[in-house]
């Protein structure tokens, strides 16, 4: 029954579209509303741009007052400014009647593609943020990072600039630094100096220890607390190895070590103690194929030649 009724009811006629009809009916557009929306969209863009600048600048100043690193504060300011601009741009487009759903989908796809293409750069950015926030070292610190030793000049978002002691500039990607051990030589106010000393095995160790401790105590750069001490580190074949341990301020470490190393030789020899030098004895044996010494063969050959010389009878 329903099928028969559906067949009987006639369908409304479809209006024919003229071939020369325009794609957009300009006469049916309310131009007043369009102009108002465009004006409001422009106003949103201008006011939003000003607010984005003001908020990002205020955030940077607040982070600076809170004691945050200037590099990280600048990075957060730029990120905040970019996000605010994106929100202002989308709001302005919505006001003038642009469908932003598809635009957001396109922006998401573009962002994903850019993220995959720049994954190394994003890794450096994340590592830079970690270095600035966690602060394993600061500008001016003497460090060893990623197998490179030098003085840190500047920590940036993408890379870290270091200067070696022979005045070479090294630029390291931050991702290499965070994935390798970091040794900060200036993080602590004090450093220990280790001076190895070898004395003859016949020398008095107690006397040698007193000489080394006296040398450390008389040095102005060596700290009194912790006190210097001497340990026996190794018993060699013809020598005994001692190690002088003394503490100095981090800034005086190199000079104190140089002075102690220079003073050990004079102090030891001035008290009659010998500083053994490395010696090696080399014995060379020449053997024939049958194992006999070549010297024996040469001696035998000379003897045989002497026996073959004819003797002249005396006249």
Protein backbone atom coordinates (compact mmCIF):
# COMPACT_ATOMS: atom_id res chain seq x y z
CA UNK A 1 0.00 0.00 0.00
CA UNK A 2 2.81 2.40 0.90
CA UNK A 3 4.59 1.57 -2.32
CA UNK A 4 1.48 2.41 -4.37
CA UNK A 5 0.99 5.73 -2.57
CA UNK A 6 4.66 6.62 -3.15
CA UNK A 7 4.17 5.92 -6.82
CA UNK A 8 1.03 8.03 -7.07
CA UNK A 9 2.34 11.16 -5.31
CA UNK A 10 3.99 13.36 -7.94
CA UNK A 11 7.44 14.89 -7.32
CA UNK A 12 7.87 18.66 -7.36
CA UNK A 13 9.35 19.98 -10.56
CA UNK A 14 13.05 20.96 -10.50
CA UNK A 15 13.69 24.46 -11.67
CA UNK A 16 15.87 24.60 -14.69
CA UNK A 17 19.15 26.52 -14.31
CA UNK A 18 19.93 28.81 -17.20
CA UNK A 19 23.21 28.14 -18.94
CA UNK A 20 24.34 31.75 -18.54
CA UNK A 21 23.48 31.98 -14.81
CA UNK A 22 26.45 33.30 -12.67
CA UNK A 23 28.14 30.99 -10.16
CA UNK A 24 27.76 33.57 -7.37
CA UNK A 25 24.63 35.64 -7.07
CA UNK A 26 26.10 39.02 -6.22
CA UNK A 27 22.67 40.60 -5.97
CA UNK A 28 21.66 38.23 -3.17
CA UNK A 29 24.66 39.16 -0.97
CA UNK A 30 24.05 41.51 1.93
CA UNK A 31 27.05 43.77 1.42
CA UNK A 32 26.45 45.63 4.60
CA UNK A 33 26.89 42.49 6.70
CA UNK A 34 29.96 41.53 4.69
CA UNK A 35 31.59 44.90 5.23
CA UNK A 36 30.80 44.78 8.94
CA UNK A 37 32.27 41.28 9.27
CA UNK A 38 35.40 42.25 7.36
CA UNK A 39 35.78 45.33 9.50
CA UNK A 40 35.40 43.29 12.66
CA UNK A 41 37.87 40.71 11.33
CA UNK A 42 40.42 43.45 10.64
CA UNK A 43 39.81 44.91 14.09
CA UNK A 44 40.33 41.48 15.67
CA UNK A 45 43.60 41.08 13.76
CA UNK A 46 44.95 44.49 14.78
CA UNK A 47 43.93 44.25 18.42
CA UNK A 48 45.06 40.62 18.62
CA UNK A 49 48.44 41.52 17.15
CA UNK A 50 48.91 44.24 19.76
CA UNK A 51 47.79 41.93 22.58
CA UNK A 52 50.10 39.15 21.39
CA UNK A 53 53.08 41.50 21.48
CA UNK A 54 52.12 42.87 24.89
CA UNK A 55 51.52 39.44 26.47
CA UNK A 56 54.75 37.96 25.09
CA UNK A 57 56.77 40.98 26.22
CA UNK A 58 55.17 40.91 29.68
CA UNK A 59 55.88 37.17 29.96
CA UNK A 60 59.54 37.73 29.05
CA UNK A 61 59.94 40.40 31.70
CA UNK A 62 58.22 38.25 34.33
CA UNK A 63 60.46 35.29 33.56
CA UNK A 64 63.51 37.53 33.75
CA UNK A 65 62.46 38.80 37.20
CA UNK A 66 61.94 35.19 38.30
CA UNK A 67 65.59 34.45 37.48
CA UNK A 68 65.07 32.32 34.40
CA UNK A 69 67.86 32.06 31.83
CA UNK A 70 67.52 34.75 29.17
CA UNK A 71 67.83 32.23 26.33
CA UNK A 72 64.97 30.08 27.63
CA UNK A 73 62.88 33.14 28.44
CA UNK A 74 63.32 34.44 24.89
CA UNK A 75 62.40 31.05 23.46
CA UNK A 76 59.19 30.89 25.55
CA UNK A 77 58.35 34.44 24.52
CA UNK A 78 58.64 33.57 20.83
CA UNK A 79 56.58 30.39 21.23
CA UNK A 80 53.85 32.28 23.11
CA UNK A 81 53.81 35.01 20.47
CA UNK A 82 53.47 32.47 17.65
CA UNK A 83 50.57 30.64 19.37
CA UNK A 84 48.75 33.90 20.05
CA UNK A 85 49.16 34.97 16.43
CA UNK A 86 47.70 31.65 15.29
CA UNK A 87 44.66 32.13 17.54
CA UNK A 88 44.17 35.69 16.30
CA UNK A 89 44.47 34.57 12.66
CA UNK A 90 41.86 31.82 13.12
CA UNK A 91 39.45 34.15 14.95
CA UNK A 92 39.70 36.77 12.21
CA UNK A 93 39.03 34.19 9.50
CA UNK A 94 36.00 32.86 11.36
CA UNK A 95 34.58 36.37 11.64
CA UNK A 96 34.76 37.03 7.90
CA UNK A 97 33.02 33.70 7.20
CA UNK A 98 35.89 31.37 6.29
CA UNK A 99 35.42 27.74 7.39
CA UNK A 100 38.37 27.09 9.71
CA UNK A 101 37.76 23.36 10.24
CA UNK A 102 39.42 22.37 7.00
CA UNK A 103 42.09 25.02 7.56
CA UNK A 104 42.96 23.50 10.94
CA UNK A 105 43.16 20.07 9.34
CA UNK A 106 45.55 21.38 6.71
CA UNK A 107 47.65 23.15 9.33
CA UNK A 108 47.79 19.95 11.39
CA UNK A 109 48.97 17.95 8.39
CA UNK A 110 51.54 20.58 7.51
CA UNK A 111 52.74 20.69 11.12
CA UNK A 112 53.13 16.90 11.20
CA UNK A 113 55.10 16.91 7.95
CA UNK A 114 57.34 19.73 9.17
CA UNK A 115 57.86 17.95 12.49
CA UNK A 116 58.95 14.75 10.77
CA UNK A 117 61.24 16.63 8.41
CA UNK A 118 62.81 18.62 11.25
CA UNK A 119 63.02 15.91 13.90
CA UNK A 120 66.76 16.51 14.36
CA UNK A 121 66.21 20.22 14.87
CA UNK A 122 63.36 19.55 17.28
CA UNK A 123 65.64 17.18 19.18
CA UNK A 124 68.23 19.95 19.45
CA UNK A 125 65.54 22.35 20.68
CA UNK A 126 64.39 19.90 23.36
CA UNK A 127 67.98 19.29 24.40
CA UNK A 128 68.63 23.03 24.52
CA UNK A 129 65.65 23.54 26.80
CA UNK A 130 66.94 20.73 29.05
CA UNK A 131 70.41 22.29 29.23
CA UNK A 132 68.98 25.70 30.10
CA UNK A 133 66.49 24.40 32.67
CA UNK A 134 68.63 21.71 34.35
CA UNK A 135 71.85 23.76 34.06
CA UNK A 136 74.55 21.07 34.10
CA UNK A 137 76.94 23.90 33.19
CA UNK A 138 76.87 27.66 32.72
CA UNK A 139 78.66 30.18 30.56
CA UNK A 140 82.34 30.28 31.49
CA UNK A 141 82.49 26.76 32.94
CA UNK A 142 85.34 24.41 32.06
CA UNK A 143 83.60 21.24 30.87
CA UNK A 144 84.11 18.11 28.83
CA UNK A 145 81.02 17.31 26.75
CA UNK A 146 80.59 14.95 23.81
CA UNK A 147 84.30 14.17 23.97
CA UNK A 148 85.30 17.85 23.64
CA UNK A 149 86.97 19.82 26.44
CA UNK A 150 86.87 23.58 26.66
CA UNK A 151 85.18 26.64 28.15
CA UNK A 152 81.47 27.23 27.51
CA UNK A 153 80.87 30.55 25.77
CA UNK A 154 77.13 30.45 25.05
CA UNK A 155 74.21 28.03 25.37
CA UNK A 156 71.68 28.44 22.58
CA UNK A 157 68.45 26.65 21.77
CA UNK A 158 69.92 24.66 18.88
CA UNK A 159 73.61 24.52 19.76
CA UNK A 160 76.28 25.27 22.37
CA UNK A 161 79.43 27.26 21.62
CA UNK A 162 82.68 26.20 23.33
CA UNK A 163 86.21 27.58 23.21
CA UNK A 164 89.18 25.27 23.56
CA UNK A 165 92.32 26.25 25.48
CA UNK A 166 94.20 26.79 22.22
CA UNK A 167 91.48 29.33 21.25
CA UNK A 168 89.49 27.24 18.80
CA UNK A 169 85.73 27.70 18.54
CA UNK A 170 83.67 24.49 18.66
CA UNK A 171 79.91 24.46 17.99
CA UNK A 172 78.15 21.36 19.32
CA UNK A 173 74.52 20.38 18.59
CA UNK A 174 72.66 20.19 21.87
CA UNK A 175 71.40 16.66 21.18
CA UNK A 176 75.01 15.38 21.19
CA UNK A 177 75.65 16.96 24.58
CA UNK A 178 72.61 15.56 26.38
CA UNK A 179 73.22 12.02 25.09
CA UNK A 180 76.85 11.87 26.31
CA UNK A 181 78.50 12.15 29.73
CA UNK A 182 79.17 15.72 30.88
CA UNK A 183 82.14 16.51 33.13
CA UNK A 184 82.05 19.95 34.73
CA UNK A 185 85.46 20.79 36.16
CA UNK A 186 84.38 24.12 37.65
CA UNK A 187 81.08 23.08 39.21
CA UNK A 188 82.69 22.65 42.66
CA UNK A 189 84.71 25.33 44.45
CA UNK A 190 87.60 22.93 45.21
CA UNK A 191 89.55 20.35 43.20
CA UNK A 192 92.04 17.71 44.23
CA UNK A 193 95.53 17.60 42.76
CA UNK A 194 97.19 14.20 42.28
CA UNK A 195 100.99 14.25 41.79
CA UNK A 196 102.54 10.79 41.13
CA UNK A 197 106.13 10.37 42.39
CA UNK A 198 108.45 7.35 42.04
CA UNK A 199 111.33 6.72 44.47
CA UNK A 200 113.94 3.99 44.59
CA UNK A 201 112.97 0.77 46.32
CA UNK A 202 115.83 1.24 48.80
CA UNK A 203 114.62 4.69 49.94
CA UNK A 204 112.87 5.44 53.23
CA UNK A 205 109.16 5.83 52.47
CA UNK A 206 108.46 7.69 55.70
CA UNK A 207 111.08 10.28 54.85
CA UNK A 208 109.77 10.61 51.29
CA UNK A 209 106.23 11.11 52.62
CA UNK A 210 107.40 13.85 54.97
CA UNK A 211 109.14 15.65 52.11
CA UNK A 212 106.02 15.59 49.93
CA UNK A 213 103.73 16.73 52.74
CA UNK A 214 106.13 19.55 53.61
CA UNK A 215 106.18 20.65 49.97
CA UNK A 216 102.37 20.75 49.87
CA UNK A 217 102.06 22.55 53.21
CA UNK A 218 104.50 25.28 52.18
CA UNK A 219 102.63 26.06 48.96
CA UNK A 220 100.32 29.07 49.34
CA UNK A 221 97.83 27.78 46.75
CA UNK A 222 97.27 24.46 48.54
CA UNK A 223 94.35 24.46 50.97
CA UNK A 224 94.90 23.52 54.59
CA UNK A 225 91.48 21.86 54.77
CA UNK A 226 91.17 19.16 53.53
CA UNK A 227 94.72 18.31 54.54
CA UNK A 228 97.21 16.93 51.97
CA UNK A 229 98.08 13.25 52.21
CA UNK A 230 100.40 10.75 50.52
CA UNK A 231 99.52 7.18 49.55
CA UNK A 232 101.58 4.31 48.16
CA UNK A 233 100.00 3.53 44.80
CA UNK A 234 102.24 0.80 43.35
CA UNK A 235 105.26 -1.37 44.11
CA UNK A 236 107.41 -1.63 41.00
CA UNK A 237 110.39 -3.82 40.19
CA UNK A 238 112.98 -1.16 41.05
CA UNK A 239 110.85 1.68 42.39
CA UNK A 240 107.95 2.52 44.66
CA UNK A 241 105.21 4.81 43.34
CA UNK A 242 103.75 7.41 45.71
CA UNK A 243 100.92 9.85 45.01
CA UNK A 244 100.64 13.26 46.64
CA UNK A 245 97.01 14.35 47.07
CA UNK A 246 96.38 18.03 47.79
CA UNK A 247 93.38 20.34 47.46
CA UNK A 248 93.23 23.76 45.84
CA UNK A 249 90.61 26.24 44.75
CA UNK A 250 89.17 25.52 41.33
CA UNK A 251 90.57 28.73 39.90
CA UNK A 252 94.07 27.91 41.24
CA UNK A 253 94.09 24.26 40.19
CA UNK A 254 96.37 24.51 37.14
CA UNK A 255 98.92 26.82 38.78
CA UNK A 256 99.02 24.80 42.01
CA UNK A 257 99.56 21.56 40.14
CA UNK A 258 102.36 23.12 38.10
CA UNK A 259 104.12 24.44 41.19
CA UNK A 260 103.86 21.14 43.06
CA UNK A 261 105.11 19.15 40.08
CA UNK A 262 108.04 21.50 39.66
CA UNK A 263 108.88 21.46 43.35
CA UNK A 264 108.86 17.66 43.74
CA UNK A 265 112.08 17.13 41.80
CA UNK A 266 114.06 19.76 43.66
CA UNK A 267 112.73 18.72 47.07
CA UNK A 268 113.49 15.05 46.53
CA UNK A 269 116.98 15.51 45.17
CA UNK A 270 117.74 18.19 47.73
CA UNK A 271 117.19 15.63 50.49
CA UNK A 272 119.25 12.98 48.78
CA UNK A 273 116.40 10.83 47.53
CA UNK A 274 116.76 9.28 44.10
CA UNK A 275 114.09 9.56 41.43
CA UNK A 276 114.55 6.43 39.31
CA UNK A 277 114.28 6.78 35.58
CA UNK A 278 112.89 4.14 33.31
CA UNK A 279 115.54 1.60 32.29
CA UNK A 280 115.37 -1.40 30.02
CA UNK A 281 118.00 -4.04 29.36
CA UNK A 282 118.06 -5.66 25.94
CA UNK A 283 119.93 -8.93 25.34
CA UNK A 284 120.28 -10.01 21.71
CA UNK A 285 121.12 -13.63 20.92
CA UNK A 286 121.83 -14.77 17.36
CA UNK A 287 121.08 -18.43 16.68
CA UNK A 288 121.67 -20.65 13.65
CA UNK A 289 119.01 -22.91 12.23
CA UNK A 290 120.21 -25.80 14.39
CA UNK A 291 120.12 -23.64 17.53
CA UNK A 292 123.86 -23.04 17.84
CA UNK A 293 125.09 -19.51 18.49
CA UNK A 294 126.35 -17.62 15.49
CA UNK A 295 129.30 -16.39 17.56
CA UNK A 296 130.45 -20.00 18.00
CA UNK A 297 130.15 -20.61 14.26
CA UNK A 298 132.14 -17.47 13.48
CA UNK A 299 134.86 -18.47 15.98
CA UNK A 300 135.03 -21.98 14.52
CA UNK A 301 135.32 -20.60 10.97
CA UNK A 302 138.19 -18.31 11.93
CA UNK A 303 140.00 -21.23 13.57
CA UNK A 304 139.54 -23.44 10.49
CA UNK A 305 140.87 -20.72 8.20
CA UNK A 306 143.91 -20.31 10.38
CA UNK A 307 144.60 -24.02 10.20
CA UNK A 308 144.40 -24.00 6.41
CA UNK A 309 147.05 -21.29 5.97
CA UNK A 310 150.23 -23.04 4.78
CA UNK A 311 153.25 -22.50 6.89
CA UNK A 312 156.47 -21.43 5.21
CA UNK A 313 159.55 -23.22 6.47
CA UNK A 314 162.07 -20.99 7.99
CA UNK A 315 165.17 -20.45 5.94
